[in-house]
Amino acid sequence: MGNTAGALITPYIVERSLEAYGYVGAMLILGGISLHAIPASVALRNPPKTPMRSSNPEREAKALILDEERSSKRHLRKTRQPTNSNHMITEDNQQNRPAVFLERHDDTIKQKFKKLVQSCIFIQEPLMTISFASIFFTHFGFDSWVLFLVSRAEWHGIPSSDAVLLSTLAGAGGIIGRLVYIAFIYFGANAIFLSFIFNMISAITFLMDPLITTFPEMCVVAFIQGWCLFSCQVSTSAYPKYAASDKNFTLYAGIQGLMAGLGAIVGGFMSGLIKDASQSFTTVFLVLGAVFTVNSMTTLLFFVAHRRKRALPSPCGD
């Protein structure tokens, strides 16, 4: 709920700070707010368990000397072991090496390569590839929308003091949307299907952007987009449950974070590039509409593939 609360409150703080302290002062205030994460993380972290140190320095010195003597003796025993018996190969044996040995060597290489392919997590968890596409597109569109929500309103001639209200409405919609989303999950709704619905609504609102030009219309759409996009963002956390087995869960969660970060970085860069090339926020939002349309398809594809996987008989015969 941190980013939704931030979207709700931060625009008001920044607007008042810019009037009173200027840009530098506003950034310092935001930095101070962000630094509150440090004491919060320290409070959550368990204190380290430090081992009890011995109070007798002479005993510690003797133990250290004994450890050094043992390690030196082990080193001497290793160096004295004979090594000639394992490496005595005559020239005749090297020249007349049987072809069977070479065939076995080729077989071992093939077996190693086969094991390497089978151990790949994308082979073990085929649903991961589809889910990563959905995670990438979700964060691509979400971060692009956050960057240009207020700027688009100013581009349409809305005063900046009124335009920041759109971010507040989006944050309020995000808080309500996430609470409703949690309620749906509690009553047994499928998280992926809910994500598909929210992606479809988001795609429709972005594709309708040329028709949304007045400030009241922007307020309504910002609230709806905040509801849907913040819910889409939190729904990506449900993919590990559906796409990964227990043994690959931790690795999947790590790669999921990587894909989310890549989507956010690429989304911000590409949307800025499109804005500079077209000089139109309408073009940017239409592209985001196409992104969420594709994301709706990938989400639906994942939902169908997961349902079919569940319908297949278990290999254990359960």
C-alpha atoms as a PDB file:
ATOM      1  CA  MET A   1       0.000   0.000   0.000  1.00  0.00           C
ATOM      2  CA  GLY A   2       3.044   2.274   0.123  1.00  0.00           C
ATOM      3  CA  ASN A   3       2.979   3.399  -3.499  1.00  0.00           C
ATOM      4  CA  THR A   4      -0.788   3.961  -3.467  1.00  0.00           C
ATOM      5  CA  ALA A   5      -0.565   6.059  -0.291  1.00  0.00           C
ATOM      6  CA  GLY A   6       2.356   7.936  -1.842  1.00  0.00           C
ATOM      7  CA  ALA A   7       0.364   8.664  -4.978  1.00  0.00           C
ATOM      8  CA  LEU A   8      -2.460   9.936  -2.767  1.00  0.00           C
ATOM      9  CA  ILE A   9      -0.443  12.250  -0.477  1.00  0.00           C
ATOM     10  CA  THR A  10       2.836  13.121  -2.228  1.00  0.00           C
ATOM     11  CA  PRO A  11       1.394  15.408  -4.973  1.00  0.00           C
ATOM     12  CA  TYR A  12      -0.098  17.706  -2.333  1.00  0.00           C
ATOM     13  CA  ILE A  13       3.199  17.775  -0.401  1.00  0.00           C
ATOM     14  CA  VAL A  14       5.236  18.491  -3.531  1.00  0.00           C
ATOM     15  CA  GLU A  15       2.906  21.263  -4.700  1.00  0.00           C
ATOM     16  CA  ARG A  16       3.044  23.078  -1.355  1.00  0.00           C
ATOM     17  CA  SER A  17       6.803  22.523  -1.064  1.00  0.00           C
ATOM     18  CA  LEU A  18       7.453  23.970  -4.523  1.00  0.00           C
ATOM     19  CA  GLU A  19       5.581  27.146  -3.591  1.00  0.00           C
ATOM     20  CA  ALA A  20       7.382  27.568  -0.269  1.00  0.00           C
ATOM     21  CA  TYR A  21      10.903  26.195  -0.819  1.00  0.00           C
ATOM     22  CA  GLY A  22      11.381  25.717  -4.546  1.00  0.00           C
ATOM     23  CA  TYR A  23      12.451  22.604  -6.421  1.00  0.00           C
ATOM     24  CA  VAL A  24      15.517  21.865  -4.258  1.00  0.00           C
ATOM     25  CA  GLY A  25      13.522  22.163  -1.051  1.00  0.00           C
ATOM     26  CA  ALA A  26      10.790  19.878  -2.390  1.00  0.00           C
ATOM     27  CA  MET A  27      13.362  17.230  -3.320  1.00  0.00           C
ATOM     28  CA  LEU A  28      14.953  17.472   0.154  1.00  0.00           C
ATOM     29  CA  ILE A  29      11.555  16.946   1.765  1.00  0.00           C
ATOM     30  CA  LEU A  30      10.887  13.912  -0.439  1.00  0.00           C
ATOM     31  CA  GLY A  31      14.337  12.581   0.451  1.00  0.00           C
ATOM     32  CA  GLY A  32      13.560  12.972   4.145  1.00  0.00           C
ATOM     33  CA  ILE A  33      10.311  11.056   3.707  1.00  0.00           C
ATOM     34  CA  SER A  34      12.152   8.280   1.860  1.00  0.00           C
ATOM     35  CA  LEU A  35      14.812   8.051   4.584  1.00  0.00           C
ATOM     36  CA  HIS A  36      12.136   6.887   7.018  1.00  0.00           C
ATOM     37  CA  ALA A  37      12.504   3.475   5.351  1.00  0.00           C
ATOM     38  CA  ILE A  38      15.918   3.081   7.028  1.00  0.00           C
ATOM     39  CA  PRO A  39      14.768   3.131  10.692  1.00  0.00           C
ATOM     40  CA  ALA A  40      11.743   1.070   9.689  1.00  0.00           C
ATOM     41  CA  SER A  41      13.954  -1.631   8.164  1.00  0.00           C
ATOM     42  CA  VAL A  42      16.273  -1.551  11.191  1.00  0.00           C
ATOM     43  CA  ALA A  43      13.300  -2.052  13.489  1.00  0.00           C
ATOM     44  CA  LEU A  44      12.146  -5.058  11.454  1.00  0.00           C
ATOM     45  CA  ARG A  45      15.590  -6.706  11.340  1.00  0.00           C
ATOM     46  CA  ASN A  46      16.392  -9.244  14.049  1.00  0.00           C
ATOM     47  CA  PRO A  47      19.553  -8.517  16.095  1.00  0.00           C
ATOM     48  CA  PRO A  48      22.509 -10.714  15.034  1.00  0.00           C
ATOM     49  CA  LYS A  49      23.457 -13.542  17.337  1.00  0.00           C
ATOM     50  CA  THR A  50      27.112 -12.869  18.206  1.00  0.00           C
ATOM     51  CA  PRO A  51      29.060 -15.863  19.573  1.00  0.00           C
ATOM     52  CA  MET A  52      30.410 -15.575  23.099  1.00  0.00           C
ATOM     53  CA  ARG A  53      34.118 -14.772  23.116  1.00  0.00           C
ATOM     54  CA  SER A  54      36.430 -16.513  25.570  1.00  0.00           C
ATOM     55  CA  SER A  55      37.790 -14.349  28.377  1.00  0.00           C
ATOM     56  CA  ASN A  56      41.084 -16.301  28.582  1.00  0.00           C
ATOM     57  CA  PRO A  57      43.609 -14.976  25.989  1.00  0.00           C
ATOM     58  CA  GLU A  58      46.174 -17.720  26.722  1.00  0.00           C
ATOM     59  CA  ARG A  59      43.663 -20.450  25.926  1.00  0.00           C
ATOM     60  CA  GLU A  60      42.744 -18.708  22.657  1.00  0.00           C
ATOM     61  CA  ALA A  61      46.426 -18.501  21.656  1.00  0.00           C
ATOM     62  CA  LYS A  62      46.991 -22.210  22.373  1.00  0.00           C
ATOM     63  CA  ALA A  63      43.927 -23.195  20.365  1.00  0.00           C
ATOM     64  CA  LEU A  64      45.148 -21.080  17.456  1.00  0.00           C
ATOM     65  CA  ILE A  65      48.578 -22.775  17.511  1.00  0.00           C
ATOM     66  CA  LEU A  66      46.969 -26.241  17.564  1.00  0.00           C
ATOM     67  CA  ASP A  67      44.798 -25.373  14.546  1.00  0.00           C
ATOM     68  CA  GLU A  68      47.848 -24.209  12.592  1.00  0.00           C
ATOM     69  CA  GLU A  69      49.762 -27.411  13.419  1.00  0.00           C
ATOM     70  CA  ARG A  70      46.842 -29.582  12.291  1.00  0.00           C
ATOM     71  CA  SER A  71      46.482 -27.724   9.009  1.00  0.00           C
ATOM     72  CA  SER A  72      50.229 -28.033   8.288  1.00  0.00           C
ATOM     73  CA  LYS A  73      50.147 -31.791   8.977  1.00  0.00           C
ATOM     74  CA  ARG A  74      47.209 -32.222   6.586  1.00  0.00           C
ATOM     75  CA  HIS A  75      49.106 -30.325   3.911  1.00  0.00           C
ATOM     76  CA  LEU A  76      52.185 -32.559   4.338  1.00  0.00           C
ATOM     77  CA  ARG A  77      50.114 -35.746   4.064  1.00  0.00           C
ATOM     78  CA  LYS A  78      48.536 -34.518   0.826  1.00  0.00           C
ATOM     79  CA  THR A  79      51.868 -33.599  -0.754  1.00  0.00           C
ATOM     80  CA  ARG A  80      53.442 -36.964   0.108  1.00  0.00           C
ATOM     81  CA  GLN A  81      50.738 -39.020  -1.633  1.00  0.00           C
ATOM     82  CA  PRO A  82      52.013 -40.774  -4.791  1.00  0.00           C
ATOM     83  CA  THR A  83      50.763 -39.326  -8.042  1.00  0.00           C
ATOM     84  CA  ASN A  84      52.736 -41.322 -10.610  1.00  0.00           C
ATOM     85  CA  SER A  85      50.454 -44.365 -10.632  1.00  0.00           C
ATOM     86  CA  ASN A  86      47.478 -42.418 -11.934  1.00  0.00           C
ATOM     87  CA  HIS A  87      49.334 -40.626 -14.716  1.00  0.00           C
ATOM     88  CA  MET A  88      51.557 -43.389 -16.226  1.00  0.00           C
ATOM     89  CA  ILE A  89      50.380 -43.598 -19.845  1.00  0.00           C
ATOM     90  CA  THR A  90      52.665 -44.866 -22.546  1.00  0.00           C
ATOM     91  CA  GLU A  91      52.882 -43.464 -26.039  1.00  0.00           C
ATOM     92  CA  ASP A  92      51.490 -46.704 -27.483  1.00  0.00           C
ATOM     93  CA  ASN A  93      48.361 -46.402 -25.321  1.00  0.00           C
ATOM     94  CA  GLN A  94      47.894 -42.812 -26.413  1.00  0.00           C
ATOM     95  CA  GLN A  95      48.232 -43.710 -30.091  1.00  0.00           C
ATOM     96  CA  ASN A  96      46.154 -46.890 -29.927  1.00  0.00           C
ATOM     97  CA  ARG A  97      43.315 -45.555 -27.817  1.00  0.00           C
ATOM     98  CA  PRO A  98      40.198 -47.600 -28.676  1.00  0.00           C
ATOM     99  CA  ALA A  99      37.283 -45.982 -30.503  1.00  0.00           C
ATOM    100  CA  VAL A 100      34.906 -47.244 -27.819  1.00  0.00           C
ATOM    101  CA  PHE A 101      36.405 -44.818 -25.359  1.00  0.00           C
ATOM    102  CA  LEU A 102      35.770 -41.903 -27.732  1.00  0.00           C
ATOM    103  CA  GLU A 103      32.170 -43.002 -28.248  1.00  0.00           C
ATOM    104  CA  ARG A 104      31.647 -43.172 -24.506  1.00  0.00           C
ATOM    105  CA  HIS A 105      33.141 -39.709 -24.185  1.00  0.00           C
ATOM    106  CA  ASP A 106      30.680 -38.376 -26.783  1.00  0.00           C
ATOM    107  CA  ASP A 107      27.813 -40.070 -24.953  1.00  0.00           C
ATOM    108  CA  THR A 108      28.798 -38.428 -21.678  1.00  0.00           C
ATOM    109  CA  ILE A 109      28.871 -35.007 -23.363  1.00  0.00           C
ATOM    110  CA  LYS A 110      25.389 -35.585 -24.796  1.00  0.00           C
ATOM    111  CA  GLN A 111      24.110 -36.738 -21.414  1.00  0.00           C
ATOM    112  CA  LYS A 112      25.570 -33.680 -19.702  1.00  0.00           C
ATOM    113  CA  PHE A 113      23.992 -31.377 -22.275  1.00  0.00           C
ATOM    114  CA  LYS A 114      20.650 -33.169 -21.914  1.00  0.00           C
ATOM    115  CA  LYS A 115      20.781 -32.827 -18.131  1.00  0.00           C
ATOM    116  CA  LEU A 116      21.680 -29.155 -18.497  1.00  0.00           C
ATOM    117  CA  VAL A 117      18.661 -28.532 -20.731  1.00  0.00           C
ATOM    118  CA  GLN A 118      16.352 -30.515 -18.460  1.00  0.00           C
ATOM    119  CA  SER A 119      17.588 -28.617 -15.397  1.00  0.00           C
ATOM    120  CA  CYS A 120      16.736 -25.241 -17.004  1.00  0.00           C
ATOM    121  CA  ILE A 121      13.947 -23.663 -15.000  1.00  0.00           C
ATOM    122  CA  PHE A 122      12.126 -22.544 -18.171  1.00  0.00           C
ATOM    123  CA  ILE A 123      11.897 -26.208 -19.244  1.00  0.00           C
ATOM    124  CA  GLN A 124      10.789 -27.366 -15.803  1.00  0.00           C
ATOM    125  CA  GLU A 125       8.229 -24.550 -15.452  1.00  0.00           C
ATOM    126  CA  PRO A 126       6.823 -23.768 -18.944  1.00  0.00           C
ATOM    127  CA  LEU A 127       4.228 -21.363 -17.533  1.00  0.00           C
ATOM    128  CA  MET A 128       7.011 -19.075 -16.394  1.00  0.00           C
ATOM    129  CA  THR A 129       7.687 -17.725 -19.881  1.00  0.00           C
ATOM    130  CA  ILE A 130       4.099 -16.528 -20.299  1.00  0.00           C
ATOM    131  CA  SER A 131       3.961 -15.093 -16.799  1.00  0.00           C
ATOM    132  CA  PHE A 132       7.190 -13.138 -17.288  1.00  0.00           C
ATOM    133  CA  ALA A 133       5.718 -11.456 -20.367  1.00  0.00           C
ATOM    134  CA  SER A 134       2.690 -10.382 -18.344  1.00  0.00           C
ATOM    135  CA  ILE A 135       4.845  -9.105 -15.469  1.00  0.00           C
ATOM    136  CA  PHE A 136       7.039  -7.143 -17.885  1.00  0.00           C
ATOM    137  CA  PHE A 137       4.113  -5.483 -19.693  1.00  0.00           C
ATOM    138  CA  THR A 138       2.312  -4.677 -16.429  1.00  0.00           C
ATOM    139  CA  HIS A 139       5.243  -2.732 -15.008  1.00  0.00           C
ATOM    140  CA  PHE A 140       6.016  -1.243 -18.426  1.00  0.00           C
ATOM    141  CA  GLY A 141       2.568   0.322 -18.602  1.00  0.00           C
ATOM    142  CA  PHE A 142       2.270   1.159 -14.900  1.00  0.00           C
ATOM    143  CA  ASP A 143       5.475   3.205 -14.646  1.00  0.00           C
ATOM    144  CA  SER A 144       4.818   4.987 -17.942  1.00  0.00           C
ATOM    145  CA  TRP A 145       1.358   5.957 -16.716  1.00  0.00           C
ATOM    146  CA  VAL A 146       2.726   7.270 -13.401  1.00  0.00           C
ATOM    147  CA  LEU A 147       5.299   9.399 -15.232  1.00  0.00           C
ATOM    148  CA  PHE A 148       2.858  11.130 -17.593  1.00  0.00           C
ATOM    149  CA  LEU A 149      -0.492  11.232 -15.790  1.00  0.00           C
ATOM    150  CA  VAL A 150      -0.074  14.806 -14.520  1.00  0.00           C
ATOM    151  CA  SER A 151       2.028  15.994 -17.472  1.00  0.00           C
ATOM    152  CA  ARG A 152      -0.687  14.944 -19.918  1.00  0.00           C
ATOM    153  CA  ALA A 153      -3.257  17.075 -18.079  1.00  0.00           C
ATOM    154  CA  GLU A 154      -0.921  20.093 -18.136  1.00  0.00           C
ATOM    155  CA  TRP A 155      -0.356  19.479 -21.853  1.00  0.00           C
ATOM    156  CA  HIS A 156      -4.128  19.822 -22.335  1.00  0.00           C
ATOM    157  CA  GLY A 157      -4.057  23.220 -20.596  1.00  0.00           C
ATOM    158  CA  ILE A 158      -5.059  22.158 -17.074  1.00  0.00           C
ATOM    159  CA  PRO A 159      -3.322  24.274 -14.368  1.00  0.00           C
ATOM    160  CA  SER A 160      -0.662  22.386 -12.432  1.00  0.00           C
ATOM    161  CA  SER A 161      -2.475  23.017  -9.132  1.00  0.00           C
ATOM    162  CA  ASP A 162      -5.478  21.121 -10.542  1.00  0.00           C
ATOM    163  CA  ALA A 163      -3.477  18.547 -12.515  1.00  0.00           C
ATOM    164  CA  VAL A 164      -1.837  17.126  -9.371  1.00  0.00           C
ATOM    165  CA  LEU A 165      -5.328  16.223  -8.175  1.00  0.00           C
ATOM    166  CA  LEU A 166      -5.337  13.483 -10.819  1.00  0.00           C
ATOM    167  CA  SER A 167      -2.499  11.701  -9.034  1.00  0.00           C
ATOM    168  CA  THR A 168      -4.373  11.989  -5.735  1.00  0.00           C
ATOM    169  CA  LEU A 169      -7.497  10.498  -7.310  1.00  0.00           C
ATOM    170  CA  ALA A 170      -5.414   7.720  -8.868  1.00  0.00           C
ATOM    171  CA  GLY A 171      -3.907   6.911  -5.468  1.00  0.00           C
ATOM    172  CA  ALA A 172      -7.354   6.872  -3.857  1.00  0.00           C
ATOM    173  CA  GLY A 173      -8.589   4.551  -6.590  1.00  0.00           C
ATOM    174  CA  GLY A 174      -5.553   2.336  -6.057  1.00  0.00           C
ATOM    175  CA  ILE A 175      -6.201   2.010  -2.320  1.00  0.00           C
ATOM    176  CA  ILE A 176      -9.875   1.162  -2.819  1.00  0.00           C
ATOM    177  CA  GLY A 177      -9.058  -1.159  -5.719  1.00  0.00           C
ATOM    178  CA  ARG A 178      -6.490  -3.114  -3.755  1.00  0.00           C
ATOM    179  CA  LEU A 179      -8.845  -3.501  -0.798  1.00  0.00           C
ATOM    180  CA  VAL A 180     -11.572  -4.791  -3.110  1.00  0.00           C
ATOM    181  CA  TYR A 181      -9.030  -7.047  -4.832  1.00  0.00           C
ATOM    182  CA  ILE A 182      -8.008  -8.559  -1.479  1.00  0.00           C
ATOM    183  CA  ALA A 183     -11.677  -9.113  -0.645  1.00  0.00           C
ATOM    184  CA  PHE A 184     -12.214 -10.958  -3.940  1.00  0.00           C
ATOM    185  CA  ILE A 185      -9.163 -13.139  -3.274  1.00  0.00           C
ATOM    186  CA  TYR A 186     -10.419 -13.876   0.240  1.00  0.00           C
ATOM    187  CA  PHE A 187     -13.708 -15.149  -1.152  1.00  0.00           C
ATOM    188  CA  GLY A 188     -11.947 -17.480  -3.605  1.00  0.00           C
ATOM    189  CA  ALA A 189     -11.648 -15.488  -6.830  1.00  0.00           C
ATOM    190  CA  ASN A 190      -8.811 -16.338  -9.200  1.00  0.00           C
ATOM    191  CA  ALA A 191      -6.093 -13.666  -9.077  1.00  0.00           C
ATOM    192  CA  ILE A 192      -5.067 -14.167 -12.710  1.00  0.00           C
ATOM    193  CA  PHE A 193      -8.614 -13.818 -14.018  1.00  0.00           C
ATOM    194  CA  LEU A 194      -9.051 -10.630 -11.991  1.00  0.00           C
ATOM    195  CA  SER A 195      -5.821  -9.358 -13.514  1.00  0.00           C
ATOM    196  CA  PHE A 196      -7.214 -10.077 -16.988  1.00  0.00           C
ATOM    197  CA  ILE A 197     -10.334  -8.000 -16.248  1.00  0.00           C
ATOM    198  CA  PHE A 198      -8.301  -5.082 -14.881  1.00  0.00           C
ATOM    199  CA  ASN A 199      -5.963  -5.189 -17.888  1.00  0.00           C
ATOM    200  CA  MET A 200      -8.904  -5.061 -20.286  1.00  0.00           C
ATOM    201  CA  ILE A 201     -10.441  -2.061 -18.508  1.00  0.00           C
ATOM    202  CA  SER A 202      -7.055  -0.313 -18.481  1.00  0.00           C
ATOM    203  CA  ALA A 203      -6.595  -0.947 -22.200  1.00  0.00           C
ATOM    204  CA  ILE A 204     -10.033   0.534 -22.966  1.00  0.00           C
ATOM    205  CA  THR A 205      -9.376   3.692 -20.923  1.00  0.00           C
ATOM    206  CA  PHE A 206      -6.027   4.283 -22.628  1.00  0.00           C
ATOM    207  CA  LEU A 207      -7.412   3.691 -26.112  1.00  0.00           C
ATOM    208  CA  MET A 208     -10.176   6.233 -25.383  1.00  0.00           C
ATOM    209  CA  ASP A 209      -7.574   8.910 -24.619  1.00  0.00           C
ATOM    210  CA  PRO A 210      -8.303  11.127 -27.689  1.00  0.00           C
ATOM    211  CA  LEU A 211     -11.874  11.535 -26.394  1.00  0.00           C
ATOM    212  CA  ILE A 212     -10.831  12.510 -22.849  1.00  0.00           C
ATOM    213  CA  THR A 213     -10.030  16.233 -22.948  1.00  0.00           C
ATOM    214  CA  THR A 214     -11.958  17.926 -20.117  1.00  0.00           C
ATOM    215  CA  PHE A 215     -10.817  17.982 -16.504  1.00  0.00           C
ATOM    216  CA  PRO A 216     -13.871  16.158 -15.021  1.00  0.00           C
ATOM    217  CA  GLU A 217     -13.401  13.356 -17.548  1.00  0.00           C
ATOM    218  CA  MET A 218      -9.706  13.141 -16.648  1.00  0.00           C
ATOM    219  CA  CYS A 219     -10.588  12.864 -12.946  1.00  0.00           C
ATOM    220  CA  VAL A 220     -12.979   9.966 -13.537  1.00  0.00           C
ATOM    221  CA  VAL A 221     -10.519   8.150 -15.819  1.00  0.00           C
ATOM    222  CA  ALA A 222      -7.612   8.723 -13.396  1.00  0.00           C
ATOM    223  CA  PHE A 223      -9.633   7.118 -10.591  1.00  0.00           C
ATOM    224  CA  ILE A 224     -10.555   4.128 -12.782  1.00  0.00           C
ATOM    225  CA  GLN A 225      -6.992   3.714 -14.039  1.00  0.00           C
ATOM    226  CA  GLY A 226      -5.629   3.939 -10.495  1.00  0.00           C
ATOM    227  CA  TRP A 227      -8.093   1.248  -9.390  1.00  0.00           C
ATOM    228  CA  CYS A 228      -7.153  -1.089 -12.239  1.00  0.00           C
ATOM    229  CA  LEU A 229      -3.414  -0.460 -12.614  1.00  0.00           C
ATOM    230  CA  PHE A 230      -2.565  -0.699  -8.928  1.00  0.00           C
ATOM    231  CA  SER A 231      -4.594  -3.918  -8.782  1.00  0.00           C
ATOM    232  CA  CYS A 232      -2.750  -5.245 -11.853  1.00  0.00           C
ATOM    233  CA  GLN A 233       0.553  -4.445 -10.205  1.00  0.00           C
ATOM    234  CA  VAL A 234      -0.258  -6.325  -7.010  1.00  0.00           C
ATOM    235  CA  SER A 235      -1.727  -9.250  -8.965  1.00  0.00           C
ATOM    236  CA  THR A 236       1.717 -10.009 -10.442  1.00  0.00           C
ATOM    237  CA  SER A 237       2.675 -11.306  -6.995  1.00  0.00           C
ATOM    238  CA  ALA A 238       0.244 -14.199  -7.522  1.00  0.00           C
ATOM    239  CA  TYR A 239       2.142 -15.656 -10.479  1.00  0.00           C
ATOM    240  CA  PRO A 240       4.669 -17.661  -8.406  1.00  0.00           C
ATOM    241  CA  LYS A 241       1.783 -19.551  -6.821  1.00  0.00           C
ATOM    242  CA  TYR A 242       0.412 -20.623 -10.202  1.00  0.00           C
ATOM    243  CA  ALA A 243       3.565 -20.910 -12.326  1.00  0.00           C
ATOM    244  CA  ALA A 244       6.276 -22.400 -10.087  1.00  0.00           C
ATOM    245  CA  SER A 245       6.619 -25.552  -8.034  1.00  0.00           C
ATOM    246  CA  ASP A 246       7.797 -25.479  -4.442  1.00  0.00           C
ATOM    247  CA  LYS A 247      11.429 -26.283  -5.278  1.00  0.00           C
ATOM    248  CA  ASN A 248      11.648 -23.471  -7.868  1.00  0.00           C
ATOM    249  CA  PHE A 249       9.585 -20.924  -5.948  1.00  0.00           C
ATOM    250  CA  THR A 250      12.525 -18.914  -4.591  1.00  0.00           C
ATOM    251  CA  LEU A 251      14.313 -18.744  -7.947  1.00  0.00           C
ATOM    252  CA  TYR A 252      11.084 -17.749  -9.681  1.00  0.00           C
ATOM    253  CA  ALA A 253      10.476 -14.959  -7.174  1.00  0.00           C
ATOM    254  CA  GLY A 254      13.958 -13.587  -7.850  1.00  0.00           C
ATOM    255  CA  ILE A 255      13.515 -13.642 -11.630  1.00  0.00           C
ATOM    256  CA  GLN A 256      10.078 -12.074 -11.182  1.00  0.00           C
ATOM    257  CA  GLY A 257      11.672  -9.091  -9.440  1.00  0.00           C
ATOM    258  CA  LEU A 258      14.184  -8.825 -12.273  1.00  0.00           C
ATOM    259  CA  MET A 259      11.435  -8.785 -14.917  1.00  0.00           C
ATOM    260  CA  ALA A 260       9.447  -6.195 -12.964  1.00  0.00           C
ATOM    261  CA  GLY A 261      12.486  -3.924 -12.758  1.00  0.00           C
ATOM    262  CA  LEU A 262      13.256  -4.362 -16.452  1.00  0.00           C
ATOM    263  CA  GLY A 263       9.661  -3.553 -17.364  1.00  0.00           C
ATOM    264  CA  ALA A 264       9.709  -0.365 -15.284  1.00  0.00           C
ATOM    265  CA  ILE A 265      13.043   0.814 -16.727  1.00  0.00           C
ATOM    266  CA  VAL A 266      12.170   0.015 -20.336  1.00  0.00           C
ATOM    267  CA  GLY A 267       8.688   1.492 -19.929  1.00  0.00           C
ATOM    268  CA  GLY A 268       9.955   4.826 -18.648  1.00  0.00           C
ATOM    269  CA  PHE A 269      12.624   5.025 -21.342  1.00  0.00           C
ATOM    270  CA  MET A 270      10.393   4.015 -24.265  1.00  0.00           C
ATOM    271  CA  SER A 271       7.461   6.217 -23.262  1.00  0.00           C
ATOM    272  CA  GLY A 272       9.789   9.212 -22.956  1.00  0.00           C
ATOM    273  CA  LEU A 273      11.281   8.373 -26.338  1.00  0.00           C
ATOM    274  CA  ILE A 274       7.816   8.184 -27.921  1.00  0.00           C
ATOM    275  CA  LYS A 275       6.861  11.510 -26.337  1.00  0.00           C
ATOM    276  CA  ASP A 276       9.995  13.220 -27.675  1.00  0.00           C
ATOM    277  CA  ALA A 277       9.478  11.758 -31.144  1.00  0.00           C
ATOM    278  CA  SER A 278       5.748  12.499 -31.451  1.00  0.00           C
ATOM    279  CA  GLN A 279       5.435  15.555 -29.168  1.00  0.00           C
ATOM    280  CA  SER A 280       2.059  14.141 -28.161  1.00  0.00           C
ATOM    281  CA  PHE A 281       0.911  12.578 -24.900  1.00  0.00           C
ATOM    282  CA  THR A 282      -2.072  11.154 -26.765  1.00  0.00           C
ATOM    283  CA  THR A 283       0.305   8.987 -28.803  1.00  0.00           C
ATOM    284  CA  VAL A 284       1.984   7.788 -25.608  1.00  0.00           C
ATOM    285  CA  PHE A 285      -1.341   6.805 -24.039  1.00  0.00           C
ATOM    286  CA  LEU A 286      -2.491   5.059 -27.222  1.00  0.00           C
ATOM    287  CA  VAL A 287       0.716   3.015 -27.172  1.00  0.00           C
ATOM    288  CA  LEU A 288       0.003   2.147 -23.539  1.00  0.00           C
ATOM    289  CA  GLY A 289      -3.462   1.042 -24.635  1.00  0.00           C
ATOM    290  CA  ALA A 290      -1.838  -1.335 -27.125  1.00  0.00           C
ATOM    291  CA  VAL A 291       0.546  -2.573 -24.408  1.00  0.00           C
ATOM    292  CA  PHE A 292      -2.309  -3.394 -22.047  1.00  0.00           C
ATOM    293  CA  THR A 293      -4.222  -5.061 -24.879  1.00  0.00           C
ATOM    294  CA  VAL A 294      -1.265  -7.386 -25.470  1.00  0.00           C
ATOM    295  CA  ASN A 295      -0.956  -7.858 -21.718  1.00  0.00           C
ATOM    296  CA  SER A 296      -4.609  -8.888 -21.549  1.00  0.00           C
ATOM    297  CA  MET A 297      -3.919 -11.560 -24.169  1.00  0.00           C
ATOM    298  CA  THR A 298      -0.864 -12.909 -22.322  1.00  0.00           C
ATOM    299  CA  THR A 299      -2.779 -12.938 -19.035  1.00  0.00           C
ATOM    300  CA  LEU A 300      -5.684 -14.819 -20.616  1.00  0.00           C
ATOM    301  CA  LEU A 301      -3.239 -17.234 -22.266  1.00  0.00           C
ATOM    302  CA  PHE A 302      -1.619 -17.921 -18.904  1.00  0.00           C
ATOM    303  CA  PHE A 303      -5.023 -18.448 -17.278  1.00  0.00           C
ATOM    304  CA  VAL A 304      -6.091 -20.963 -19.947  1.00  0.00           C
ATOM    305  CA  ALA A 305      -2.726 -22.779 -19.875  1.00  0.00           C
ATOM    306  CA  HIS A 306      -2.888 -23.069 -16.099  1.00  0.00           C
ATOM    307  CA  ARG A 307      -6.428 -24.443 -16.231  1.00  0.00           C
ATOM    308  CA  ARG A 308      -5.384 -27.040 -18.821  1.00  0.00           C
ATOM    309  CA  LYS A 309      -2.365 -28.001 -16.738  1.00  0.00           C
ATOM    310  CA  ARG A 310      -4.591 -28.575 -13.721  1.00  0.00           C
ATOM    311  CA  ALA A 311      -6.966 -30.677 -15.835  1.00  0.00           C
ATOM    312  CA  LEU A 312      -4.157 -33.014 -16.929  1.00  0.00           C
ATOM    313  CA  PRO A 313      -3.727 -36.217 -14.861  1.00  0.00           C
ATOM    314  CA  SER A 314      -0.933 -36.091 -12.318  1.00  0.00           C
ATOM    315  CA  PRO A 315       2.208 -38.121 -13.219  1.00  0.00           C
ATOM    316  CA  CYS A 316       2.055 -39.700  -9.773  1.00  0.00           C
ATOM    317  CA  GLY A 317      -1.390 -41.078 -10.519  1.00  0.00           C
ATOM    318  CA  ASP A 318      -3.164 -38.976  -7.905  1.00  0.00           C
END
